[in-house]
C-alpha cells in the first residue's frame, strides 16, 4: 500500500485503499482444448506481444473454473511467458 505524504488518511474521513489478494486456490492448469485455443489466439500476436492475450486467458480460466485464483493467475503468467504482476495488472 502506498501513501501520498500530504493526504490525510485514517480517521480524517479519507478513503484508505487496501490491496485484496486473490484466494490461493487449488493448482490450476488449462484443459488441453483451452490451452490449444489460447495458443491459437497467441499466434495472432508477434512473440513479443504475447501478453496481449492476457484478458482472453483470464476469460478462459473463468470459463473453466468459474472464478479466478492466485494459482490460476500464476499459470496464465507461465503460459504467456510474463510475470504474475503483469497478469494481475
PDB file of N, CA and C in Angstrom:
ATOM      1  N   UNK A   1       0.850  -1.157   0.000  1.00  0.00           N
ATOM      2  CA  UNK A   1       0.000   0.000   0.000  1.00  0.00           C
ATOM      3  C   UNK A   1       0.902   1.227   0.000  1.00  0.00           C
ATOM      4  N   UNK A   2       0.586   2.201  -0.815  1.00  0.00           N
ATOM      5  CA  UNK A   2       1.395   3.421  -0.851  1.00  0.00           C
ATOM      6  C   UNK A   2       0.546   4.600  -0.387  1.00  0.00           C
ATOM      7  N   UNK A   3       1.204   5.590   0.127  1.00  0.00           N
ATOM      8  CA  UNK A   3       0.516   6.760   0.655  1.00  0.00           C
ATOM      9  C   UNK A   3       1.110   8.025   0.069  1.00  0.00           C
ATOM     10  N   UNK A   4       0.275   9.002  -0.116  1.00  0.00           N
ATOM     11  CA  UNK A   4       0.739  10.321  -0.525  1.00  0.00           C
ATOM     12  C   UNK A   4       1.063  11.083   0.755  1.00  0.00           C
ATOM     13  N   UNK A   5       2.229  11.720   0.842  1.00  0.00           N
ATOM     14  CA  UNK A   5       2.648  12.344   2.101  1.00  0.00           C
ATOM     15  C   UNK A   5       1.772  13.507   2.572  1.00  0.00           C
ATOM     16  N   UNK A   6       1.046  14.146   1.664  1.00  0.00           N
ATOM     17  CA  UNK A   6       0.245  15.303   2.066  1.00  0.00           C
ATOM     18  C   UNK A   6      -1.245  14.998   2.194  1.00  0.00           C
ATOM     19  N   UNK A   7      -1.648  13.771   1.952  1.00  0.00           N
ATOM     20  CA  UNK A   7      -3.068  13.431   2.002  1.00  0.00           C
ATOM     21  C   UNK A   7      -3.405  12.791   3.351  1.00  0.00           C
ATOM     22  N   UNK A   8      -4.440  13.302   4.020  1.00  0.00           N
ATOM     23  CA  UNK A   8      -4.805  12.708   5.310  1.00  0.00           C
ATOM     24  C   UNK A   8      -5.426  11.316   5.119  1.00  0.00           C
ATOM     25  N   UNK A   9      -5.087  10.401   6.006  1.00  0.00           N
ATOM     26  CA  UNK A   9      -5.625   9.041   5.967  1.00  0.00           C
ATOM     27  C   UNK A   9      -6.198   8.694   7.331  1.00  0.00           C
ATOM     28  N   UNK A  10      -6.966   7.642   7.362  1.00  0.00           N
ATOM     29  CA  UNK A  10      -7.469   7.130   8.639  1.00  0.00           C
ATOM     30  C   UNK A  10      -8.740   7.809   9.077  1.00  0.00           C
ATOM     31  N   UNK A  11      -8.711   8.392  10.266  1.00  0.00           N
ATOM     32  CA  UNK A  11      -9.918   8.935  10.883  1.00  0.00           C
ATOM     33  C   UNK A  11     -10.350  10.282  10.319  1.00  0.00           C
ATOM     34  N   UNK A  12      -9.578  10.886   9.438  1.00  0.00           N
ATOM     35  CA  UNK A  12      -9.941  12.194   8.882  1.00  0.00           C
ATOM     36  C   UNK A  12     -11.002  12.093   7.797  1.00  0.00           C
ATOM     37  N   UNK A  13     -11.484  10.894   7.491  1.00  0.00           N
ATOM     38  CA  UNK A  13     -12.560  10.752   6.533  1.00  0.00           C
ATOM     39  C   UNK A  13     -12.133  10.408   5.120  1.00  0.00           C
ATOM     40  N   UNK A  14     -10.837  10.337   4.857  1.00  0.00           N
ATOM     41  CA  UNK A  14     -10.377   9.976   3.523  1.00  0.00           C
ATOM     42  C   UNK A  14     -10.382   8.467   3.371  1.00  0.00           C
ATOM     43  N   UNK A  15     -10.567   8.046   2.151  1.00  0.00           N
ATOM     44  CA  UNK A  15     -10.560   6.619   1.852  1.00  0.00           C
ATOM     45  C   UNK A  15      -9.147   6.058   1.946  1.00  0.00           C
ATOM     46  N   UNK A  16      -9.024   4.928   2.575  1.00  0.00           N
ATOM     47  CA  UNK A  16      -7.735   4.238   2.637  1.00  0.00           C
ATOM     48  C   UNK A  16      -7.877   2.956   1.834  1.00  0.00           C
ATOM     49  N   UNK A  17      -7.108   2.809   0.793  1.00  0.00           N
ATOM     50  CA  UNK A  17      -7.233   1.627  -0.054  1.00  0.00           C
ATOM     51  C   UNK A  17      -6.404   0.491   0.512  1.00  0.00           C
ATOM     52  N   UNK A  18      -6.958  -0.703   0.438  1.00  0.00           N
ATOM     53  CA  UNK A  18      -6.268  -1.912   0.846  1.00  0.00           C
ATOM     54  C   UNK A  18      -6.229  -2.855  -0.334  1.00  0.00           C
ATOM     55  N   UNK A  19      -5.088  -3.452  -0.540  1.00  0.00           N
ATOM     56  CA  UNK A  19      -4.956  -4.415  -1.625  1.00  0.00           C
ATOM     57  C   UNK A  19      -5.579  -5.731  -1.182  1.00  0.00           C
ATOM     58  N   UNK A  20      -6.460  -6.236  -1.997  1.00  0.00           N
ATOM     59  CA  UNK A  20      -7.112  -7.507  -1.700  1.00  0.00           C
ATOM     60  C   UNK A  20      -6.459  -8.576  -2.569  1.00  0.00           C
ATOM     61  N   UNK A  21      -5.947  -9.601  -1.924  1.00  0.00           N
ATOM     62  CA  UNK A  21      -5.292 -10.683  -2.647  1.00  0.00           C
ATOM     63  C   UNK A  21      -6.304 -11.761  -2.989  1.00  0.00           C
ATOM     64  N   UNK A  22      -6.100 -12.389  -4.121  1.00  0.00           N
ATOM     65  CA  UNK A  22      -6.963 -13.492  -4.517  1.00  0.00           C
ATOM     66  C   UNK A  22      -6.688 -14.708  -3.652  1.00  0.00           C
ATOM     67  N   UNK A  23      -7.705 -15.529  -3.480  1.00  0.00           N
ATOM     68  CA  UNK A  23      -7.555 -16.803  -2.784  1.00  0.00           C
ATOM     69  C   UNK A  23      -6.525 -17.641  -3.545  1.00  0.00           C
ATOM     70  N   UNK A  24      -5.672 -18.367  -2.826  1.00  0.00           N
ATOM     71  CA  UNK A  24      -4.638 -19.164  -3.487  1.00  0.00           C
ATOM     72  C   UNK A  24      -5.258 -20.208  -4.405  1.00  0.00           C
ATOM     73  N   UNK A  25      -6.211 -20.958  -3.922  1.00  0.00           N
ATOM     74  CA  UNK A  25      -6.897 -21.949  -4.744  1.00  0.00           C
ATOM     75  C   UNK A  25      -6.079 -23.199  -4.992  1.00  0.00           C
ATOM     76  N   UNK A  26      -6.720 -24.165  -5.575  1.00  0.00           N
ATOM     77  CA  UNK A  26      -6.081 -25.426  -5.939  1.00  0.00           C
ATOM     78  C   UNK A  26      -5.147 -25.199  -7.129  1.00  0.00           C
ATOM     79  N   UNK A  27      -4.161 -26.075  -7.317  1.00  0.00           N
ATOM     80  CA  UNK A  27      -3.321 -25.961  -8.515  1.00  0.00           C
ATOM     81  C   UNK A  27      -4.194 -25.946  -9.772  1.00  0.00           C
ATOM     82  N   UNK A  28      -3.834 -25.104 -10.710  1.00  0.00           N
ATOM     83  CA  UNK A  28      -4.649 -24.915 -11.914  1.00  0.00           C
ATOM     84  C   UNK A  28      -3.830 -25.208 -13.158  1.00  0.00           C
ATOM     85  N   UNK A  29      -4.483 -25.783 -14.140  1.00  0.00           N
ATOM     86  CA  UNK A  29      -3.899 -25.965 -15.472  1.00  0.00           C
ATOM     87  C   UNK A  29      -5.039 -25.942 -16.482  1.00  0.00           C
ATOM     88  N   UNK A  30      -4.793 -25.326 -17.630  1.00  0.00           N
ATOM     89  CA  UNK A  30      -5.797 -25.321 -18.687  1.00  0.00           C
ATOM     90  C   UNK A  30      -6.035 -26.746 -19.184  1.00  0.00           C
ATOM     91  N   UNK A  31      -7.254 -27.004 -19.597  1.00  0.00           N
ATOM     92  CA  UNK A  31      -7.511 -28.271 -20.277  1.00  0.00           C
ATOM     93  C   UNK A  31      -6.775 -28.229 -21.611  1.00  0.00           C
ATOM     94  N   UNK A  32      -6.581 -29.360 -22.208  1.00  0.00           N
ATOM     95  CA  UNK A  32      -5.874 -29.422 -23.495  1.00  0.00           C
ATOM     96  C   UNK A  32      -6.558 -28.549 -24.538  1.00  0.00           C
ATOM     97  N   UNK A  33      -7.898 -28.576 -24.556  1.00  0.00           N
ATOM     98  CA  UNK A  33      -8.662 -27.801 -25.541  1.00  0.00           C
ATOM     99  C   UNK A  33      -8.488 -26.292 -25.317  1.00  0.00           C
ATOM    100  N   UNK A  34      -8.569 -25.878 -24.049  1.00  0.00           N
ATOM    101  CA  UNK A  34      -8.428 -24.439 -23.761  1.00  0.00           C
ATOM    102  C   UNK A  34      -7.002 -23.968 -23.999  1.00  0.00           C
ATOM    103  N   UNK A  35      -6.021 -24.803 -23.694  1.00  0.00           N
ATOM    104  CA  UNK A  35      -4.629 -24.441 -23.964  1.00  0.00           C
ATOM    105  C   UNK A  35      -4.407 -24.267 -25.462  1.00  0.00           C
ATOM    106  N   UNK A  36      -4.999 -25.157 -26.258  1.00  0.00           N
ATOM    107  CA  UNK A  36      -4.872 -25.050 -27.713  1.00  0.00           C
ATOM    108  C   UNK A  36      -5.578 -23.788 -28.221  1.00  0.00           C
ATOM    109  N   UNK A  37      -6.729 -23.496 -27.641  1.00  0.00           N
ATOM    110  CA  UNK A  37      -7.481 -22.290 -28.028  1.00  0.00           C
ATOM    111  C   UNK A  37      -6.667 -21.037 -27.708  1.00  0.00           C
ATOM    112  N   UNK A  38      -6.050 -21.006 -26.541  1.00  0.00           N
ATOM    113  CA  UNK A  38      -5.252 -19.839 -26.157  1.00  0.00           C
ATOM    114  C   UNK A  38      -3.980 -19.753 -26.995  1.00  0.00           C
ATOM    115  N   UNK A  39      -3.369 -20.875 -27.279  1.00  0.00           N
ATOM    116  CA  UNK A  39      -2.159 -20.876 -28.113  1.00  0.00           C
ATOM    117  C   UNK A  39      -2.482 -20.358 -29.511  1.00  0.00           C
ATOM    118  N   UNK A  40      -3.639 -20.737 -30.035  1.00  0.00           N
ATOM    119  CA  UNK A  40      -4.070 -20.240 -31.339  1.00  0.00           C
ATOM    120  C   UNK A  40      -4.246 -18.725 -31.297  1.00  0.00           C
ATOM    121  N   UNK A  41      -4.848 -18.240 -30.239  1.00  0.00           N
ATOM    122  CA  UNK A  41      -5.036 -16.794 -30.081  1.00  0.00           C
ATOM    123  C   UNK A  41      -3.683 -16.085 -29.964  1.00  0.00           C
ATOM    124  N   UNK A  42      -2.758 -16.660 -29.202  1.00  0.00           N
ATOM    125  CA  UNK A  42      -1.426 -16.057 -29.032  1.00  0.00           C
ATOM    126  C   UNK A  42      -0.673 -15.995 -30.357  1.00  0.00           C
ATOM    127  N   UNK A  43      -0.925 -16.944 -31.246  1.00  0.00           N
ATOM    128  CA  UNK A  43      -0.218 -16.967 -32.530  1.00  0.00           C
ATOM    129  C   UNK A  43      -0.597 -15.785 -33.427  1.00  0.00           C
ATOM    130  N   UNK A  44      -1.669 -15.111 -33.102  1.00  0.00           N
ATOM    131  CA  UNK A  44      -2.101 -13.947 -33.881  1.00  0.00           C
ATOM    132  C   UNK A  44      -1.298 -12.686 -33.530  1.00  0.00           C
ATOM    133  N   UNK A  45      -0.533 -12.759 -32.439  1.00  0.00           N
ATOM    134  CA  UNK A  45       0.277 -11.630 -31.993  1.00  0.00           C
ATOM    135  C   UNK A  45       1.747 -11.921 -32.261  1.00  0.00           C
ATOM    136  N   UNK A  46       2.560 -10.896 -32.466  1.00  0.00           N
ATOM    137  CA  UNK A  46       4.006 -11.127 -32.548  1.00  0.00           C
ATOM    138  C   UNK A  46       4.483 -11.714 -31.210  1.00  0.00           C
ATOM    139  N   UNK A  47       5.543 -12.505 -31.216  1.00  0.00           N
ATOM    140  CA  UNK A  47       6.008 -13.145 -29.978  1.00  0.00           C
ATOM    141  C   UNK A  47       6.239 -12.172 -28.815  1.00  0.00           C
ATOM    142  N   UNK A  48       6.740 -10.993 -29.118  1.00  0.00           N
ATOM    143  CA  UNK A  48       6.996 -10.029 -28.039  1.00  0.00           C
ATOM    144  C   UNK A  48       5.716  -9.382 -27.505  1.00  0.00           C
ATOM    145  N   UNK A  49       4.600  -9.613 -28.174  1.00  0.00           N
ATOM    146  CA  UNK A  49       3.302  -9.066 -27.746  1.00  0.00           C
ATOM    147  C   UNK A  49       2.355 -10.163 -27.242  1.00  0.00           C
ATOM    148  N   UNK A  50       2.927 -11.298 -26.880  1.00  0.00           N
ATOM    149  CA  UNK A  50       2.132 -12.436 -26.427  1.00  0.00           C
ATOM    150  C   UNK A  50       1.231 -12.069 -25.243  1.00  0.00           C
ATOM    151  N   UNK A  51       1.683 -11.151 -24.406  1.00  0.00           N
ATOM    152  CA  UNK A  51       0.885 -10.782 -23.240  1.00  0.00           C
ATOM    153  C   UNK A  51      -0.425 -10.072 -23.614  1.00  0.00           C
ATOM    154  N   UNK A  52      -0.578  -9.717 -24.864  1.00  0.00           N
ATOM    155  CA  UNK A  52      -1.831  -9.099 -25.307  1.00  0.00           C
ATOM    156  C   UNK A  52      -3.013 -10.049 -25.151  1.00  0.00           C
ATOM    157  N   UNK A  53      -2.735 -11.326 -24.995  1.00  0.00           N
ATOM    158  CA  UNK A  53      -3.796 -12.328 -24.847  1.00  0.00           C
ATOM    159  C   UNK A  53      -4.184 -12.553 -23.386  1.00  0.00           C
ATOM    160  N   UNK A  54      -3.686 -11.720 -22.484  1.00  0.00           N
ATOM    161  CA  UNK A  54      -3.923 -11.961 -21.060  1.00  0.00           C
ATOM    162  C   UNK A  54      -5.411 -11.923 -20.699  1.00  0.00           C
ATOM    163  N   UNK A  55      -6.154 -10.991 -21.245  1.00  0.00           N
ATOM    164  CA  UNK A  55      -7.573 -10.906 -20.909  1.00  0.00           C
ATOM    165  C   UNK A  55      -8.331 -12.131 -21.419  1.00  0.00           C
ATOM    166  N   UNK A  56      -8.023 -12.557 -22.623  1.00  0.00           N
ATOM    167  CA  UNK A  56      -8.643 -13.773 -23.159  1.00  0.00           C
ATOM    168  C   UNK A  56      -8.289 -14.978 -22.297  1.00  0.00           C
ATOM    169  N   UNK A  57      -7.052 -15.036 -21.821  1.00  0.00           N
ATOM    170  CA  UNK A  57      -6.630 -16.140 -20.956  1.00  0.00           C
ATOM    171  C   UNK A  57      -7.423 -16.144 -19.654  1.00  0.00           C
ATOM    172  N   UNK A  58      -7.651 -14.968 -19.097  1.00  0.00           N
ATOM    173  CA  UNK A  58      -8.414 -14.890 -17.848  1.00  0.00           C
ATOM    174  C   UNK A  58      -9.873 -15.289 -18.063  1.00  0.00           C
ATOM    175  N   UNK A  59     -10.429 -14.938 -19.213  1.00  0.00           N
ATOM    176  CA  UNK A  59     -11.787 -15.391 -19.530  1.00  0.00           C
ATOM    177  C   UNK A  59     -11.834 -16.912 -19.647  1.00  0.00           C
ATOM    178  N   UNK A  60     -10.795 -17.510 -20.215  1.00  0.00           N
ATOM    179  CA  UNK A  60     -10.748 -18.969 -20.324  1.00  0.00           C
ATOM    180  C   UNK A  60     -10.646 -19.624 -18.951  1.00  0.00           C
ATOM    181  N   UNK A  61      -9.871 -19.019 -18.065  1.00  0.00           N
ATOM    182  CA  UNK A  61      -9.785 -19.527 -16.688  1.00  0.00           C
ATOM    183  C   UNK A  61     -11.160 -19.481 -16.045  1.00  0.00           C
ATOM    184  N   UNK A  62     -11.809 -18.342 -16.171  1.00  0.00           N
ATOM    185  CA  UNK A  62     -13.123 -18.175 -15.552  1.00  0.00           C
ATOM    186  C   UNK A  62     -14.137 -19.150 -16.148  1.00  0.00           C
ATOM    187  N   UNK A  63     -14.045 -19.393 -17.444  1.00  0.00           N
ATOM    188  CA  UNK A  63     -14.942 -20.339 -18.093  1.00  0.00           C
ATOM    189  C   UNK A  63     -14.693 -21.756 -17.591  1.00  0.00           C
ATOM    190  N   UNK A  64     -13.444 -22.091 -17.380  1.00  0.00           N
ATOM    191  CA  UNK A  64     -13.089 -23.439 -16.941  1.00  0.00           C
ATOM    192  C   UNK A  64     -13.357 -23.650 -15.458  1.00  0.00           C
ATOM    193  N   UNK A  65     -13.000 -22.662 -14.639  1.00  0.00           N
ATOM    194  CA  UNK A  65     -13.033 -22.838 -13.187  1.00  0.00           C
ATOM    195  C   UNK A  65     -14.196 -22.119 -12.516  1.00  0.00           C
ATOM    196  N   UNK A  66     -14.724 -21.101 -13.189  1.00  0.00           N
ATOM    197  CA  UNK A  66     -15.832 -20.353 -12.601  1.00  0.00           C
ATOM    198  C   UNK A  66     -15.400 -19.085 -11.883  1.00  0.00           C
ATOM    199  N   UNK A  67     -14.137 -18.998 -11.519  1.00  0.00           N
ATOM    200  CA  UNK A  67     -13.613 -17.838 -10.800  1.00  0.00           C
ATOM    201  C   UNK A  67     -12.093 -17.826 -10.933  1.00  0.00           C
ATOM    202  N   UNK A  68     -11.482 -16.710 -10.545  1.00  0.00           N
ATOM    203  CA  UNK A  68     -10.026 -16.571 -10.643  1.00  0.00           C
ATOM    204  C   UNK A  68      -9.379 -16.832  -9.291  1.00  0.00           C
ATOM    205  N   UNK A  69      -8.247 -17.502  -9.307  1.00  0.00           N
ATOM    206  CA  UNK A  69      -7.450 -17.725  -8.104  1.00  0.00           C
ATOM    207  C   UNK A  69      -6.016 -17.308  -8.386  1.00  0.00           C
ATOM    208  N   UNK A  70      -5.243 -17.144  -7.330  1.00  0.00           N
ATOM    209  CA  UNK A  70      -3.834 -16.788  -7.484  1.00  0.00           C
ATOM    210  C   UNK A  70      -3.091 -17.882  -8.244  1.00  0.00           C
ATOM    211  N   UNK A  71      -3.451 -19.120  -7.994  1.00  0.00           N
ATOM    212  CA  UNK A  71      -2.824 -20.243  -8.697  1.00  0.00           C
ATOM    213  C   UNK A  71      -3.093 -20.161 -10.202  1.00  0.00           C
ATOM    214  N   UNK A  72      -4.313 -19.827 -10.560  1.00  0.00           N
ATOM    215  CA  UNK A  72      -4.679 -19.704 -11.974  1.00  0.00           C
ATOM    216  C   UNK A  72      -3.934 -18.535 -12.626  1.00  0.00           C
ATOM    217  N   UNK A  73      -3.792 -17.428 -11.911  1.00  0.00           N
ATOM    218  CA  UNK A  73      -3.061 -16.285 -12.459  1.00  0.00           C
ATOM    219  C   UNK A  73      -1.595 -16.628 -12.686  1.00  0.00           C
ATOM    220  N   UNK A  74      -0.994 -17.401 -11.777  1.00  0.00           N
ATOM    221  CA  UNK A  74       0.387 -17.839 -11.974  1.00  0.00           C
ATOM    222  C   UNK A  74       0.494 -18.743 -13.199  1.00  0.00           C
ATOM    223  N   UNK A  75      -0.495 -19.614 -13.398  1.00  0.00           N
ATOM    224  CA  UNK A  75      -0.484 -20.496 -14.572  1.00  0.00           C
ATOM    225  C   UNK A  75      -0.579 -19.677 -15.861  1.00  0.00           C
ATOM    226  N   UNK A  76      -1.449 -18.686 -15.870  1.00  0.00           N
ATOM    227  CA  UNK A  76      -1.587 -17.808 -17.035  1.00  0.00           C
ATOM    228  C   UNK A  76      -0.263 -17.097 -17.307  1.00  0.00           C
ATOM    229  N   UNK A  77       0.388 -16.617 -16.254  1.00  0.00           N
ATOM    230  CA  UNK A  77       1.671 -15.935 -16.414  1.00  0.00           C
ATOM    231  C   UNK A  77       2.705 -16.864 -17.044  1.00  0.00           C
ATOM    232  N   UNK A  78       2.777 -18.090 -16.563  1.00  0.00           N
ATOM    233  CA  UNK A  78       3.722 -19.056 -17.143  1.00  0.00           C
ATOM    234  C   UNK A  78       3.378 -19.343 -18.598  1.00  0.00           C
ATOM    235  N   UNK A  79       2.097 -19.513 -18.872  1.00  0.00           N
ATOM    236  CA  UNK A  79       1.653 -19.835 -20.231  1.00  0.00           C
ATOM    237  C   UNK A  79       2.011 -18.720 -21.205  1.00  0.00           C
ATOM    238  N   UNK A  80       1.807 -17.479 -20.770  1.00  0.00           N
ATOM    239  CA  UNK A  80       2.062 -16.330 -21.651  1.00  0.00           C
ATOM    240  C   UNK A  80       3.502 -15.826 -21.569  1.00  0.00           C
ATOM    241  N   UNK A  81       4.286 -16.430 -20.687  1.00  0.00           N
ATOM    242  CA  UNK A  81       5.691 -16.046 -20.505  1.00  0.00           C
ATOM    243  C   UNK A  81       5.827 -14.596 -20.051  1.00  0.00           C
ATOM    244  N   UNK A  82       5.003 -14.238 -19.058  1.00  0.00           N
ATOM    245  CA  UNK A  82       5.052 -12.914 -18.448  1.00  0.00           C
ATOM    246  C   UNK A  82       5.056 -13.107 -16.934  1.00  0.00           C
ATOM    247  N   UNK A  83       5.162 -12.025 -16.189  1.00  0.00           N
ATOM    248  CA  UNK A  83       5.189 -12.133 -14.731  1.00  0.00           C
ATOM    249  C   UNK A  83       3.770 -12.191 -14.169  1.00  0.00           C
ATOM    250  N   UNK A  84       3.593 -12.776 -12.988  1.00  0.00           N
ATOM    251  CA  UNK A  84       2.270 -12.746 -12.342  1.00  0.00           C
ATOM    252  C   UNK A  84       1.766 -11.326 -12.117  1.00  0.00           C
ATOM    253  N   UNK A  85       2.670 -10.386 -11.851  1.00  0.00           N
ATOM    254  CA  UNK A  85       2.262  -8.991 -11.665  1.00  0.00           C
ATOM    255  C   UNK A  85       1.653  -8.415 -12.925  1.00  0.00           C
ATOM    256  N   UNK A  86       2.177  -8.797 -14.100  1.00  0.00           N
ATOM    257  CA  UNK A  86       1.613  -8.315 -15.360  1.00  0.00           C
ATOM    258  C   UNK A  86       0.212  -8.884 -15.582  1.00  0.00           C
ATOM    259  N   UNK A  87      -0.013 -10.111 -15.150  1.00  0.00           N
ATOM    260  CA  UNK A  87      -1.348 -10.696 -15.267  1.00  0.00           C
ATOM    261  C   UNK A  87      -2.302  -9.966 -14.338  1.00  0.00           C
ATOM    262  N   UNK A  88      -1.861  -9.719 -13.112  1.00  0.00           N
ATOM    263  CA  UNK A  88      -2.707  -9.062 -12.129  1.00  0.00           C
ATOM    264  C   UNK A  88      -3.053  -7.636 -12.534  1.00  0.00           C
ATOM    265  N   UNK A  89      -2.125  -6.959 -13.197  1.00  0.00           N
ATOM    266  CA  UNK A  89      -2.396  -5.591 -13.657  1.00  0.00           C
ATOM    267  C   UNK A  89      -3.515  -5.591 -14.658  1.00  0.00           C
TER     268      UNK A  89
END
